[in-house]
Amino acid sequence: MTLDFANVIGLIGSGLMVVAYAYSNMAKVLNFILFNLLNLVGALLLTYSLTVHFNVASMALEVVWAFIALIGLAKALRKGKAS
């Protein structure tokens, strides 16, 4: 693996998703806006990375992950509260 721009972006996206997962397991009160935003940005960064280094299974996962995060973010924003 070369550490090109696409791979760096993908690693950042993966990191954001891991941070979101850790946060969801450690927070006493979950801020759904933050949680879904971290997941959405992470999935979008990984999707970009996969446009350069394509893998169909990973691409499908990231598209679905981003879609779910987008729905969760919209729902949290509509509620108007972060917890």
N, C-alpha and C. Protein backbone atom coordinates (compact mmCIF):
# COMPACT_ATOMS: atom_id res chain seq x y z
N MET A 1 0.84 -1.18 0.00
CA MET A 1 0.00 0.00 0.00
C MET A 1 0.89 1.24 0.00
N THR A 2 0.60 2.13 -0.90
CA THR A 2 1.28 3.42 -0.91
C THR A 2 0.45 4.41 -0.11
N LEU A 3 1.13 5.31 0.54
CA LEU A 3 0.41 6.29 1.35
C LEU A 3 0.14 7.53 0.50
N ASP A 4 -0.72 7.35 -0.51
CA ASP A 4 -1.09 8.46 -1.37
C ASP A 4 -2.25 9.24 -0.74
N PHE A 5 -2.67 10.31 -1.40
CA PHE A 5 -3.71 11.19 -0.88
C PHE A 5 -5.00 10.43 -0.57
N ALA A 6 -5.42 9.55 -1.48
CA ALA A 6 -6.67 8.81 -1.29
C ALA A 6 -6.59 7.91 -0.06
N ASN A 7 -5.46 7.28 0.17
CA ASN A 7 -5.32 6.43 1.34
C ASN A 7 -5.30 7.23 2.63
N VAL A 8 -4.68 8.39 2.62
CA VAL A 8 -4.67 9.26 3.80
C VAL A 8 -6.10 9.70 4.13
N ILE A 9 -6.83 10.11 3.10
CA ILE A 9 -8.23 10.51 3.30
C ILE A 9 -9.05 9.34 3.85
N GLY A 10 -8.84 8.16 3.31
CA GLY A 10 -9.54 6.97 3.79
C GLY A 10 -9.21 6.65 5.24
N LEU A 11 -7.95 6.80 5.61
CA LEU A 11 -7.55 6.56 7.00
C LEU A 11 -8.18 7.58 7.95
N ILE A 12 -8.26 8.82 7.52
CA ILE A 12 -8.93 9.84 8.34
C ILE A 12 -10.41 9.48 8.51
N GLY A 13 -11.05 9.06 7.41
CA GLY A 13 -12.45 8.64 7.49
C GLY A 13 -12.65 7.47 8.43
N SER A 14 -11.76 6.49 8.34
CA SER A 14 -11.84 5.34 9.25
C SER A 14 -11.67 5.79 10.69
N GLY A 15 -10.73 6.69 10.90
CA GLY A 15 -10.50 7.20 12.25
C GLY A 15 -11.72 7.89 12.83
N LEU A 16 -12.40 8.69 12.00
CA LEU A 16 -13.61 9.38 12.46
C LEU A 16 -14.70 8.38 12.85
N MET A 17 -14.81 7.32 12.08
CA MET A 17 -15.84 6.32 12.37
C MET A 17 -15.50 5.55 13.64
N VAL A 18 -14.23 5.28 13.87
CA VAL A 18 -13.81 4.61 15.11
C VAL A 18 -14.05 5.53 16.30
N VAL A 19 -13.76 6.82 16.14
CA VAL A 19 -14.02 7.78 17.22
C VAL A 19 -15.52 7.82 17.53
N ALA A 20 -16.36 7.81 16.50
CA ALA A 20 -17.81 7.82 16.71
C ALA A 20 -18.26 6.56 17.45
N TYR A 21 -17.71 5.42 17.09
CA TYR A 21 -18.07 4.16 17.75
C TYR A 21 -17.64 4.18 19.22
N ALA A 22 -16.41 4.62 19.46
CA ALA A 22 -15.91 4.69 20.84
C ALA A 22 -16.76 5.66 21.66
N TYR A 23 -17.06 6.81 21.06
CA TYR A 23 -17.89 7.82 21.73
C TYR A 23 -19.26 7.25 22.11
N SER A 24 -19.87 6.49 21.19
CA SER A 24 -21.20 5.95 21.46
C SER A 24 -21.18 4.92 22.59
N ASN A 25 -20.04 4.32 22.82
CA ASN A 25 -19.92 3.33 23.89
C ASN A 25 -19.44 3.92 25.21
N MET A 26 -18.90 5.13 25.19
CA MET A 26 -18.34 5.72 26.40
C MET A 26 -19.13 6.92 26.93
N ALA A 27 -19.91 7.54 26.10
CA ALA A 27 -20.64 8.74 26.53
C ALA A 27 -21.78 8.38 27.47
N LYS A 28 -21.95 9.19 28.48
CA LYS A 28 -23.10 8.99 29.37
C LYS A 28 -24.38 9.42 28.69
N VAL A 29 -24.29 10.51 27.94
CA VAL A 29 -25.42 11.01 27.15
C VAL A 29 -24.90 11.21 25.73
N LEU A 30 -25.53 10.53 24.80
CA LEU A 30 -25.07 10.57 23.42
C LEU A 30 -25.63 11.79 22.68
N ASN A 31 -24.73 12.56 22.09
CA ASN A 31 -25.12 13.67 21.24
C ASN A 31 -25.31 13.09 19.83
N PHE A 32 -26.54 12.90 19.42
CA PHE A 32 -26.82 12.24 18.14
C PHE A 32 -26.37 13.05 16.93
N ILE A 33 -26.33 14.36 17.08
CA ILE A 33 -25.84 15.18 15.97
C ILE A 33 -24.36 14.91 15.75
N LEU A 34 -23.58 14.96 16.82
CA LEU A 34 -22.15 14.70 16.72
C LEU A 34 -21.88 13.28 16.24
N PHE A 35 -22.56 12.32 16.83
CA PHE A 35 -22.37 10.91 16.47
C PHE A 35 -22.63 10.67 14.98
N ASN A 36 -23.76 11.16 14.49
CA ASN A 36 -24.10 10.94 13.08
C ASN A 36 -23.24 11.76 12.14
N LEU A 37 -22.83 12.94 12.57
CA LEU A 37 -21.95 13.77 11.75
C LEU A 37 -20.58 13.11 11.58
N LEU A 38 -20.03 12.58 12.66
CA LEU A 38 -18.75 11.85 12.58
C LEU A 38 -18.87 10.66 11.64
N ASN A 39 -19.95 9.91 11.75
CA ASN A 39 -20.16 8.76 10.88
C ASN A 39 -20.34 9.17 9.42
N LEU A 40 -21.09 10.23 9.19
CA LEU A 40 -21.34 10.69 7.83
C LEU A 40 -20.05 11.17 7.16
N VAL A 41 -19.31 12.02 7.85
CA VAL A 41 -18.06 12.53 7.27
C VAL A 41 -17.07 11.39 7.07
N GLY A 42 -16.99 10.49 8.03
CA GLY A 42 -16.10 9.34 7.89
C GLY A 42 -16.46 8.49 6.69
N ALA A 43 -17.73 8.21 6.52
CA ALA A 43 -18.18 7.39 5.39
C ALA A 43 -17.93 8.10 4.06
N LEU A 44 -18.14 9.41 4.02
CA LEU A 44 -17.90 10.15 2.77
C LEU A 44 -16.41 10.18 2.42
N LEU A 45 -15.56 10.34 3.43
CA LEU A 45 -14.12 10.31 3.16
C LEU A 45 -13.68 8.94 2.67
N LEU A 46 -14.20 7.90 3.28
CA LEU A 46 -13.88 6.55 2.81
C LEU A 46 -14.42 6.30 1.41
N THR A 47 -15.60 6.82 1.12
CA THR A 47 -16.17 6.68 -0.22
C THR A 47 -15.26 7.34 -1.25
N TYR A 48 -14.77 8.54 -0.93
CA TYR A 48 -13.82 9.19 -1.84
C TYR A 48 -12.60 8.30 -2.06
N SER A 49 -12.04 7.79 -0.99
CA SER A 49 -10.87 6.92 -1.08
C SER A 49 -11.15 5.71 -1.98
N LEU A 50 -12.35 5.18 -1.86
CA LEU A 50 -12.72 4.00 -2.65
C LEU A 50 -12.96 4.32 -4.12
N THR A 51 -13.15 5.58 -4.46
CA THR A 51 -13.25 5.91 -5.88
C THR A 51 -11.89 5.80 -6.57
N VAL A 52 -10.82 5.90 -5.77
CA VAL A 52 -9.46 5.76 -6.31
C VAL A 52 -8.99 4.31 -6.21
N HIS A 53 -9.23 3.70 -5.07
CA HIS A 53 -8.83 2.30 -4.82
C HIS A 53 -10.11 1.49 -4.61
N PHE A 54 -10.78 1.14 -5.70
CA PHE A 54 -12.13 0.57 -5.65
C PHE A 54 -12.18 -0.83 -5.07
N ASN A 55 -13.20 -1.04 -4.24
CA ASN A 55 -13.56 -2.35 -3.72
C ASN A 55 -15.08 -2.33 -3.58
N VAL A 56 -15.75 -3.19 -4.32
CA VAL A 56 -17.21 -3.12 -4.40
C VAL A 56 -17.88 -3.35 -3.04
N ALA A 57 -17.39 -4.30 -2.26
CA ALA A 57 -18.02 -4.57 -0.96
C ALA A 57 -17.86 -3.39 -0.01
N SER A 58 -16.69 -2.81 0.02
CA SER A 58 -16.45 -1.66 0.89
C SER A 58 -17.25 -0.45 0.42
N MET A 59 -17.35 -0.26 -0.88
CA MET A 59 -18.12 0.86 -1.42
C MET A 59 -19.59 0.72 -1.03
N ALA A 60 -20.14 -0.48 -1.16
CA ALA A 60 -21.54 -0.71 -0.79
C ALA A 60 -21.75 -0.41 0.69
N LEU A 61 -20.84 -0.87 1.53
CA LEU A 61 -20.94 -0.62 2.96
C LEU A 61 -20.91 0.88 3.27
N GLU A 62 -20.00 1.60 2.66
CA GLU A 62 -19.87 3.03 2.94
C GLU A 62 -21.06 3.84 2.45
N VAL A 63 -21.62 3.46 1.31
CA VAL A 63 -22.80 4.16 0.80
C VAL A 63 -23.98 3.96 1.76
N VAL A 64 -24.17 2.73 2.21
CA VAL A 64 -25.25 2.45 3.16
C VAL A 64 -24.98 3.15 4.49
N TRP A 65 -23.73 3.11 4.96
CA TRP A 65 -23.36 3.76 6.22
C TRP A 65 -23.64 5.27 6.16
N ALA A 66 -23.27 5.89 5.06
CA ALA A 66 -23.50 7.33 4.90
C ALA A 66 -25.00 7.63 4.86
N PHE A 67 -25.77 6.79 4.18
CA PHE A 67 -27.21 6.98 4.09
C PHE A 67 -27.86 6.90 5.47
N ILE A 68 -27.47 5.91 6.26
CA ILE A 68 -28.02 5.76 7.61
C ILE A 68 -27.63 6.95 8.49
N ALA A 69 -26.37 7.37 8.38
CA ALA A 69 -25.90 8.52 9.16
C ALA A 69 -26.65 9.79 8.76
N LEU A 70 -26.92 9.94 7.47
CA LEU A 70 -27.65 11.11 6.99
C LEU A 70 -29.08 11.12 7.54
N ILE A 71 -29.72 9.98 7.56
CA ILE A 71 -31.07 9.88 8.13
C ILE A 71 -31.03 10.20 9.62
N GLY A 72 -30.05 9.64 10.33
CA GLY A 72 -29.92 9.90 11.76
C GLY A 72 -29.64 11.36 12.05
N LEU A 73 -28.81 11.98 11.24
CA LEU A 73 -28.49 13.39 11.41
C LEU A 73 -29.72 14.26 11.16
N ALA A 74 -30.45 13.97 10.11
CA ALA A 74 -31.68 14.72 9.81
C ALA A 74 -32.69 14.58 10.95
N LYS A 75 -32.83 13.38 11.46
CA LYS A 75 -33.76 13.14 12.57
C LYS A 75 -33.33 13.92 13.81
N ALA A 76 -32.03 13.90 14.12
CA ALA A 76 -31.53 14.63 15.30
C ALA A 76 -31.70 16.13 15.13
N LEU A 77 -31.44 16.63 13.94
CA LEU A 77 -31.60 18.07 13.70
C LEU A 77 -33.07 18.50 13.76
N ARG A 78 -33.96 17.63 13.27
CA ARG A 78 -35.39 17.92 13.34
C ARG A 78 -35.88 17.98 14.78
N LYS A 79 -35.37 17.08 15.60
CA LYS A 79 -35.75 17.09 17.01
C LYS A 79 -35.26 18.34 17.70
N GLY A 80 -34.14 18.86 17.23
CA GLY A 80 -33.61 20.11 17.80
C GLY A 80 -32.87 19.92 19.10
N LYS A 81 -32.58 18.68 19.44
CA LYS A 81 -31.78 18.47 20.64
C LYS A 81 -30.69 17.46 20.36
N ALA A 82 -29.61 17.58 21.08
CA ALA A 82 -28.41 16.78 20.83
C ALA A 82 -28.37 15.49 21.65
N SER A 83 -29.25 15.29 22.54
CA SER A 83 -29.20 14.08 23.38
C SER A 83 -30.36 13.16 23.12
